Amino acid sequence: MKCSICGSTVDTAKVAYIKGSTVICSDCFPTYYVRNCPLTPRRVRGESPLNCRYCSYKAQCDSYVKSLISNSKGS
């Protein structure tokens, strides 16, 4: 199997996510999760959903949300 994000060959022990033809390795999963999280748009709007407090990827999400906000202000 190949990771849909980085393209590296992944053995089954390193697969973090599979859905349809999408395969995500454990190294790429945090990035994939943050970019596809249904709560990210709410965070961009300034909300602070309770679920985000307990998320394992909150630090990555904080940085992603900050970049989205700064990019939207620059446009």
PDB file of N, CA and C in Angstrom:
ATOM      1  N   MET A   1       0.838  -1.184   0.000  1.00  0.00           N
ATOM      2  CA  MET A   1       0.000   0.000   0.000  1.00  0.00           C
ATOM      3  C   MET A   1       0.880   1.243   0.000  1.00  0.00           C
ATOM      4  N   LYS A   2       0.359   2.304  -0.569  1.00  0.00           N
ATOM      5  CA  LYS A   2       1.067   3.588  -0.588  1.00  0.00           C
ATOM      6  C   LYS A   2       0.226   4.636   0.125  1.00  0.00           C
ATOM      7  N   CYS A   3       0.900   5.490   0.882  1.00  0.00           N
ATOM      8  CA  CYS A   3       0.230   6.588   1.570  1.00  0.00           C
ATOM      9  C   CYS A   3      -0.280   7.579   0.530  1.00  0.00           C
ATOM     10  N   SER A   4      -1.519   7.992   0.671  1.00  0.00           N
ATOM     11  CA  SER A   4      -2.122   8.936  -0.273  1.00  0.00           C
ATOM     12  C   SER A   4      -1.545  10.339  -0.150  1.00  0.00           C
ATOM     13  N   ILE A   5      -0.866  10.645   0.945  1.00  0.00           N
ATOM     14  CA  ILE A   5      -0.307  11.979   1.135  1.00  0.00           C
ATOM     15  C   ILE A   5       1.160  12.036   0.730  1.00  0.00           C
ATOM     16  N   CYS A   6       1.995  11.197   1.357  1.00  0.00           N
ATOM     17  CA  CYS A   6       3.438  11.276   1.091  1.00  0.00           C
ATOM     18  C   CYS A   6       3.907  10.321  -0.003  1.00  0.00           C
ATOM     19  N   GLY A   7       3.087   9.338  -0.353  1.00  0.00           N
ATOM     20  CA  GLY A   7       3.437   8.417  -1.432  1.00  0.00           C
ATOM     21  C   GLY A   7       4.372   7.293  -1.040  1.00  0.00           C
ATOM     22  N   SER A   8       4.756   7.223   0.225  1.00  0.00           N
ATOM     23  CA  SER A   8       5.676   6.164   0.644  1.00  0.00           C
ATOM     24  C   SER A   8       4.937   4.833   0.771  1.00  0.00           C
ATOM     25  N   THR A   9       5.682   3.762   0.586  1.00  0.00           N
ATOM     26  CA  THR A   9       5.118   2.432   0.758  1.00  0.00           C
ATOM     27  C   THR A   9       4.930   2.187   2.250  1.00  0.00           C
ATOM     28  N   VAL A  10       3.754   1.711   2.617  1.00  0.00           N
ATOM     29  CA  VAL A  10       3.392   1.558   4.020  1.00  0.00           C
ATOM     30  C   VAL A  10       3.015   0.106   4.288  1.00  0.00           C
ATOM     31  N   ASP A  11       3.638  -0.494   5.312  1.00  0.00           N
ATOM     32  CA  ASP A  11       3.182  -1.831   5.685  1.00  0.00           C
ATOM     33  C   ASP A  11       1.980  -1.686   6.618  1.00  0.00           C
ATOM     34  N   THR A  12       1.254  -2.745   6.816  1.00  0.00           N
ATOM     35  CA  THR A  12      -0.007  -2.657   7.549  1.00  0.00           C
ATOM     36  C   THR A  12       0.150  -2.151   8.981  1.00  0.00           C
ATOM     37  N   ALA A  13       1.298  -2.355   9.589  1.00  0.00           N
ATOM     38  CA  ALA A  13       1.512  -1.881  10.961  1.00  0.00           C
ATOM     39  C   ALA A  13       1.581  -0.356  11.038  1.00  0.00           C
ATOM     40  N   LYS A  14       1.936   0.312   9.949  1.00  0.00           N
ATOM     41  CA  LYS A  14       2.078   1.776   9.936  1.00  0.00           C
ATOM     42  C   LYS A  14       0.871   2.486   9.324  1.00  0.00           C
ATOM     43  N   VAL A  15      -0.180   1.732   8.955  1.00  0.00           N
ATOM     44  CA  VAL A  15      -1.383   2.347   8.397  1.00  0.00           C
ATOM     45  C   VAL A  15      -2.220   2.903   9.544  1.00  0.00           C
ATOM     46  N   ALA A  16      -2.548   4.186   9.467  1.00  0.00           N
ATOM     47  CA  ALA A  16      -3.346   4.822  10.515  1.00  0.00           C
ATOM     48  C   ALA A  16      -4.804   4.980  10.100  1.00  0.00           C
ATOM     49  N   TYR A  17      -5.069   5.018   8.786  1.00  0.00           N
ATOM     50  CA  TYR A  17      -6.422   5.303   8.303  1.00  0.00           C
ATOM     51  C   TYR A  17      -6.604   4.717   6.917  1.00  0.00           C
ATOM     52  N   ILE A  18      -7.718   4.064   6.710  1.00  0.00           N
ATOM     53  CA  ILE A  18      -8.088   3.570   5.381  1.00  0.00           C
ATOM     54  C   ILE A  18      -9.567   3.852   5.189  1.00  0.00           C
ATOM     55  N   LYS A  19      -9.910   4.465   4.061  1.00  0.00           N
ATOM     56  CA  LYS A  19     -11.308   4.649   3.680  1.00  0.00           C
ATOM     57  C   LYS A  19     -11.350   4.689   2.168  1.00  0.00           C
ATOM     58  N   GLY A  20     -12.027   3.725   1.585  1.00  0.00           N
ATOM     59  CA  GLY A  20     -12.068   3.635   0.132  1.00  0.00           C
ATOM     60  C   GLY A  20     -10.670   3.428  -0.407  1.00  0.00           C
ATOM     61  N   SER A  21     -10.260   4.283  -1.316  1.00  0.00           N
ATOM     62  CA  SER A  21      -8.916   4.172  -1.888  1.00  0.00           C
ATOM     63  C   SER A  21      -7.901   5.051  -1.152  1.00  0.00           C
ATOM     64  N   THR A  22      -8.315   5.707  -0.080  1.00  0.00           N
ATOM     65  CA  THR A  22      -7.423   6.567   0.693  1.00  0.00           C
ATOM     66  C   THR A  22      -6.726   5.758   1.781  1.00  0.00           C
ATOM     67  N   VAL A  23      -5.399   5.784   1.762  1.00  0.00           N
ATOM     68  CA  VAL A  23      -4.583   5.124   2.784  1.00  0.00           C
ATOM     69  C   VAL A  23      -3.664   6.190   3.367  1.00  0.00           C
ATOM     70  N   ILE A  24      -3.673   6.339   4.684  1.00  0.00           N
ATOM     71  CA  ILE A  24      -2.843   7.347   5.344  1.00  0.00           C
ATOM     72  C   ILE A  24      -1.906   6.641   6.324  1.00  0.00           C
ATOM     73  N   CYS A  25      -0.610   6.940   6.225  1.00  0.00           N
ATOM     74  CA  CYS A  25       0.370   6.351   7.148  1.00  0.00           C
ATOM     75  C   CYS A  25       0.310   7.082   8.490  1.00  0.00           C
ATOM     76  N   SER A  26       0.867   6.470   9.504  1.00  0.00           N
ATOM     77  CA  SER A  26       0.816   7.064  10.842  1.00  0.00           C
ATOM     78  C   SER A  26       1.601   8.371  10.935  1.00  0.00           C
ATOM     79  N   ASP A  27       2.594   8.565  10.061  1.00  0.00           N
ATOM     80  CA  ASP A  27       3.352   9.824  10.072  1.00  0.00           C
ATOM     81  C   ASP A  27       2.524  10.985   9.521  1.00  0.00           C
ATOM     82  N   CYS A  28       1.686  10.725   8.530  1.00  0.00           N
ATOM     83  CA  CYS A  28       0.895  11.775   7.883  1.00  0.00           C
ATOM     84  C   CYS A  28      -0.473  11.974   8.532  1.00  0.00           C
ATOM     85  N   PHE A  29      -0.897  11.053   9.376  1.00  0.00           N
ATOM     86  CA  PHE A  29      -2.254  11.108   9.907  1.00  0.00           C
ATOM     87  C   PHE A  29      -2.585  12.392  10.662  1.00  0.00           C
ATOM     88  N   PRO A  30      -1.726  12.913  11.551  1.00  0.00           N
ATOM     89  CA  PRO A  30      -2.107  14.153  12.248  1.00  0.00           C
ATOM     90  C   PRO A  30      -2.446  15.296  11.287  1.00  0.00           C
ATOM     91  N   THR A  31      -1.659  15.460  10.240  1.00  0.00           N
ATOM     92  CA  THR A  31      -1.924  16.511   9.254  1.00  0.00           C
ATOM     93  C   THR A  31      -3.246  16.254   8.545  1.00  0.00           C
ATOM     94  N   TYR A  32      -3.467  15.024   8.128  1.00  0.00           N
ATOM     95  CA  TYR A  32      -4.712  14.657   7.447  1.00  0.00           C
ATOM     96  C   TYR A  32      -5.904  14.911   8.366  1.00  0.00           C
ATOM     97  N   TYR A  33      -5.797  14.490   9.611  1.00  0.00           N
ATOM     98  CA  TYR A  33      -6.894  14.634  10.561  1.00  0.00           C
ATOM     99  C   TYR A  33      -7.246  16.103  10.780  1.00  0.00           C
ATOM    100  N   VAL A  34      -6.244  16.923  11.018  1.00  0.00           N
ATOM    101  CA  VAL A  34      -6.479  18.344  11.281  1.00  0.00           C
ATOM    102  C   VAL A  34      -7.143  19.016  10.080  1.00  0.00           C
ATOM    103  N   ARG A  35      -6.685  18.716   8.889  1.00  0.00           N
ATOM    104  CA  ARG A  35      -7.240  19.363   7.693  1.00  0.00           C
ATOM    105  C   ARG A  35      -8.637  18.873   7.344  1.00  0.00           C
ATOM    106  N   ASN A  36      -9.035  17.725   7.860  1.00  0.00           N
ATOM    107  CA  ASN A  36     -10.350  17.171   7.554  1.00  0.00           C
ATOM    108  C   ASN A  36     -11.284  17.127   8.757  1.00  0.00           C
ATOM    109  N   CYS A  37     -10.870  17.700   9.854  1.00  0.00           N
ATOM    110  CA  CYS A  37     -11.691  17.700  11.060  1.00  0.00           C
ATOM    111  C   CYS A  37     -12.915  18.594  10.846  1.00  0.00           C
ATOM    112  N   PRO A  38     -14.110  18.112  11.194  1.00  0.00           N
ATOM    113  CA  PRO A  38     -15.308  18.934  11.007  1.00  0.00           C
ATOM    114  C   PRO A  38     -15.371  20.145  11.942  1.00  0.00           C
ATOM    115  N   LEU A  39     -14.531  20.179  12.964  1.00  0.00           N
ATOM    116  CA  LEU A  39     -14.544  21.304  13.903  1.00  0.00           C
ATOM    117  C   LEU A  39     -13.610  22.439  13.494  1.00  0.00           C
ATOM    118  N   THR A  40     -12.714  22.204  12.559  1.00  0.00           N
ATOM    119  CA  THR A  40     -11.762  23.235  12.146  1.00  0.00           C
ATOM    120  C   THR A  40     -12.454  24.507  11.647  1.00  0.00           C
ATOM    121  N   PRO A  41     -13.489  24.414  10.800  1.00  0.00           N
ATOM    122  CA  PRO A  41     -14.158  25.658  10.367  1.00  0.00           C
ATOM    123  C   PRO A  41     -14.740  26.463  11.536  1.00  0.00           C
ATOM    124  N   ARG A  42     -15.223  25.774  12.539  1.00  0.00           N
ATOM    125  CA  ARG A  42     -15.747  26.481  13.716  1.00  0.00           C
ATOM    126  C   ARG A  42     -14.632  27.215  14.444  1.00  0.00           C
ATOM    127  N   ARG A  43     -13.467  26.592  14.537  1.00  0.00           N
ATOM    128  CA  ARG A  43     -12.327  27.235  15.207  1.00  0.00           C
ATOM    129  C   ARG A  43     -11.865  28.455  14.419  1.00  0.00           C
ATOM    130  N   VAL A  44     -11.914  28.376  13.098  1.00  0.00           N
ATOM    131  CA  VAL A  44     -11.524  29.513  12.258  1.00  0.00           C
ATOM    132  C   VAL A  44     -12.474  30.686  12.493  1.00  0.00           C
ATOM    133  N   ARG A  45     -13.750  30.385  12.747  1.00  0.00           N
ATOM    134  CA  ARG A  45     -14.739  31.435  13.026  1.00  0.00           C
ATOM    135  C   ARG A  45     -14.610  32.000  14.440  1.00  0.00           C
ATOM    136  N   GLY A  46     -13.676  31.469  15.226  1.00  0.00           N
ATOM    137  CA  GLY A  46     -13.453  31.995  16.565  1.00  0.00           C
ATOM    138  C   GLY A  46     -14.114  31.211  17.679  1.00  0.00           C
ATOM    139  N   GLU A  47     -14.828  30.147  17.332  1.00  0.00           N
ATOM    140  CA  GLU A  47     -15.452  29.319  18.357  1.00  0.00           C
ATOM    141  C   GLU A  47     -14.393  28.432  19.010  1.00  0.00           C
ATOM    142  N   SER A  48     -14.723  27.916  20.171  1.00  0.00           N
ATOM    143  CA  SER A  48     -13.820  27.004  20.872  1.00  0.00           C
ATOM    144  C   SER A  48     -14.616  25.772  21.305  1.00  0.00           C
ATOM    145  N   PRO A  49     -14.815  24.821  20.375  1.00  0.00           N
ATOM    146  CA  PRO A  49     -15.611  23.631  20.702  1.00  0.00           C
ATOM    147  C   PRO A  49     -14.997  22.843  21.859  1.00  0.00           C
ATOM    148  N   LEU A  50     -15.838  22.349  22.733  1.00  0.00           N
ATOM    149  CA  LEU A  50     -15.393  21.598  23.903  1.00  0.00           C
ATOM    150  C   LEU A  50     -14.550  20.386  23.511  1.00  0.00           C
ATOM    151  N   ASN A  51     -14.920  19.699  22.445  1.00  0.00           N
ATOM    152  CA  ASN A  51     -14.180  18.506  22.014  1.00  0.00           C
ATOM    153  C   ASN A  51     -12.718  18.816  21.729  1.00  0.00           C
ATOM    154  N   CYS A  52     -12.415  20.011  21.287  1.00  0.00           N
ATOM    155  CA  CYS A  52     -11.041  20.376  20.925  1.00  0.00           C
ATOM    156  C   CYS A  52     -10.110  20.369  22.136  1.00  0.00           C
ATOM    157  N   ARG A  53     -10.643  20.598  23.305  1.00  0.00           N
ATOM    158  CA  ARG A  53      -9.805  20.601  24.512  1.00  0.00           C
ATOM    159  C   ARG A  53      -9.143  19.250  24.742  1.00  0.00           C
ATOM    160  N   TYR A  54      -9.788  18.186  24.294  1.00  0.00           N
ATOM    161  CA  TYR A  54      -9.311  16.829  24.557  1.00  0.00           C
ATOM    162  C   TYR A  54      -8.664  16.177  23.344  1.00  0.00           C
ATOM    163  N   CYS A  55      -8.517  16.903  22.276  1.00  0.00           N
ATOM    164  CA  CYS A  55      -7.973  16.351  21.035  1.00  0.00           C
ATOM    165  C   CYS A  55      -6.460  16.151  21.142  1.00  0.00           C
ATOM    166  N   SER A  56      -5.999  15.021  20.658  1.00  0.00           N
ATOM    167  CA  SER A  56      -4.558  14.712  20.664  1.00  0.00           C
ATOM    168  C   SER A  56      -3.774  15.600  19.705  1.00  0.00           C
ATOM    169  N   TYR A  57      -4.464  16.188  18.743  1.00  0.00           N
ATOM    170  CA  TYR A  57      -3.794  16.971  17.701  1.00  0.00           C
ATOM    171  C   TYR A  57      -4.050  18.467  17.852  1.00  0.00           C
ATOM    172  N   LYS A  58      -4.398  18.925  19.042  1.00  0.00           N
ATOM    173  CA  LYS A  58      -4.747  20.336  19.249  1.00  0.00           C
ATOM    174  C   LYS A  58      -3.607  21.283  18.888  1.00  0.00           C
ATOM    175  N   ALA A  59      -2.378  20.923  19.221  1.00  0.00           N
ATOM    176  CA  ALA A  59      -1.240  21.800  18.905  1.00  0.00           C
ATOM    177  C   ALA A  59      -1.096  21.978  17.397  1.00  0.00           C
ATOM    178  N   GLN A  60      -1.208  20.889  16.639  1.00  0.00           N
ATOM    179  CA  GLN A  60      -1.130  20.990  15.181  1.00  0.00           C
ATOM    180  C   GLN A  60      -2.314  21.786  14.639  1.00  0.00           C
ATOM    181  N   CYS A  61      -3.475  21.583  15.230  1.00  0.00           N
ATOM    182  CA  CYS A  61      -4.670  22.300  14.787  1.00  0.00           C
ATOM    183  C   CYS A  61      -4.542  23.794  15.071  1.00  0.00           C
ATOM    184  N   ASP A  62      -4.030  24.148  16.240  1.00  0.00           N
ATOM    185  CA  ASP A  62      -3.832  25.562  16.575  1.00  0.00           C
ATOM    186  C   ASP A  62      -2.978  26.243  15.516  1.00  0.00           C
ATOM    187  N   SER A  63      -1.904  25.589  15.134  1.00  0.00           N
ATOM    188  CA  SER A  63      -1.014  26.170  14.138  1.00  0.00           C
ATOM    189  C   SER A  63      -1.686  26.241  12.763  1.00  0.00           C
ATOM    190  N   TYR A  64      -2.457  25.218  12.396  1.00  0.00           N
ATOM    191  CA  TYR A  64      -3.172  25.210  11.113  1.00  0.00           C
ATOM    192  C   TYR A  64      -4.234  26.313  11.078  1.00  0.00           C
ATOM    193  N   VAL A  65      -5.000  26.440  12.157  1.00  0.00           N
ATOM    194  CA  VAL A  65      -6.038  27.473  12.231  1.00  0.00           C
ATOM    195  C   VAL A  65      -5.403  28.858  12.155  1.00  0.00           C
ATOM    196  N   LYS A  66      -4.297  29.050  12.850  1.00  0.00           N
ATOM    197  CA  LYS A  66      -3.591  30.338  12.815  1.00  0.00           C
ATOM    198  C   LYS A  66      -3.156  30.669  11.389  1.00  0.00           C
ATOM    199  N   SER A  67      -2.650  29.670  10.657  1.00  0.00           N
ATOM    200  CA  SER A  67      -2.216  29.922   9.276  1.00  0.00           C
ATOM    201  C   SER A  67      -3.407  30.236   8.374  1.00  0.00           C
ATOM    202  N   LEU A  68      -4.537  29.562   8.592  1.00  0.00           N
ATOM    203  CA  LEU A  68      -5.732  29.852   7.793  1.00  0.00           C
ATOM    204  C   LEU A  68      -6.226  31.272   8.040  1.00  0.00           C
ATOM    205  N   ILE A  69      -6.217  31.689   9.297  1.00  0.00           N
ATOM    206  CA  ILE A  69      -6.681  33.033   9.644  1.00  0.00           C
ATOM    207  C   ILE A  69      -5.750  34.088   9.061  1.00  0.00           C
ATOM    208  N   SER A  70      -4.445  33.876   9.170  1.00  0.00           N
ATOM    209  CA  SER A  70      -3.504  34.869   8.634  1.00  0.00           C
ATOM    210  C   SER A  70      -3.570  34.925   7.110  1.00  0.00           C
ATOM    211  N   ASN A  71      -3.801  33.788   6.456  1.00  0.00           N
ATOM    212  CA  ASN A  71      -3.942  33.783   4.995  1.00  0.00           C
ATOM    213  C   ASN A  71      -5.211  34.493   4.556  1.00  0.00           C
ATOM    214  N   SER A  72      -6.295  34.355   5.322  1.00  0.00           N
ATOM    215  CA  SER A  72      -7.543  35.008   4.938  1.00  0.00           C
ATOM    216  C   SER A  72      -7.466  36.519   5.152  1.00  0.00           C
ATOM    217  N   LYS A  73      -6.690  36.964   6.132  1.00  0.00           N
ATOM    218  CA  LYS A  73      -6.524  38.401   6.361  1.00  0.00           C
ATOM    219  C   LYS A  73      -5.639  39.027   5.295  1.00  0.00           C
ATOM    220  N   GLY A  74      -4.721  38.234   4.757  1.00  0.00           N
ATOM    221  CA  GLY A  74      -3.814  38.735   3.731  1.00  0.00           C
ATOM    222  C   GLY A  74      -4.461  38.839   2.361  1.00  0.00           C
ATOM    223  N   SER A  75      -5.593  38.170   2.167  1.00  0.00           N
ATOM    224  CA  SER A  75      -6.262  38.173   0.852  1.00  0.00           C
ATOM    225  C   SER A  75      -7.108  39.389   0.653  1.00  0.00           C
TER     226      SER A  75
END
